[in-house]
Amino acid sequence: MIARNHGRKTLEPILLYGFPSGSSMGLVAALEWLGRPYRLCRVDMLGEMREPSYGRINPRHETPVLITDAGEPLTETMAIAAWLEARDEERRISFPPLSREADRMHQLMAFINTGFTGAFSPLWAVLEMEDADPVVQTTLRDFGHRVVIERHDKLEGMIGQRPFLVGERPSLADAILVGVARWRDVHEVADRERWPKLSALRARLEGDPAVIHATRLENGEPSPGTGALLGHVPLAEVIERFGR
């Protein structure tokens, strides 16, 4: 649907999110929390995302990608989060600029999106290897486990006594965390209960209706959510309309 805003044509943003187990699942939940109309595009990261045509949307062949209300592809999780924060007029997923809460949210988002997420890279590399040397795989797996545990220890120490990362309700920091934290389960790194504060936070987030909605969509199951979701757009159509 095309709407008009200040004399120019705009559209509802379209989030391209990846499956299986994409970090972008949390951004779907953030859109639900935000409550503004949006559309989605579900992308197979093991197939569609690797096709040459996908490079017209993101030359780095990654998700997430946000097609903004101006029809421009915006890549990188932190850039998309900043775009959403700037439009969060009711502060449903963020906090007033210059506030202590906003500073803490940005600090946590930065840590989760860099060191915490990056720690899993050696483990993903092992899963994606074909006919790799077993010694190389073992080395990467051992190194990955150590780094993931160390990053989890750091995050455990950063979590306070509030129900969510920055307060009484989920924010963009929680959205960025929830899509990535489950990777510990995928790679079977240590025991979840080793980090009691993080484990309790994950349980609260995974029981949140918006996160349940996002997870169902990621799994290819129908989910109406709050009604803010206006439907899915096929990837081929997104590339045709907005690709460069």
Foldseek 3Di string as FASTA:
>chain_A
DWDDDPHDIFDAKEKEFEDDLTLCLLVQLVLLLLLAAHAYEYDYLVPRLPDPLVCLLPVVSDDIWMLGRVRAIDDDPVVVQVVSVVVSPVQRAADDPPDPLRVQLVVLQVLCRPQQQVLCVLVVVLVPDDPDDVVSNVVSLVSSLVSNVVSLVVVLVQADDALERRHPHHHVSLSSCQSRVCVCVVSVRDDPVVRVSVSSSNVVVCPDQSSVCSNCVSVVHDDCRPVSYPYYDYPVVSSVRRGD
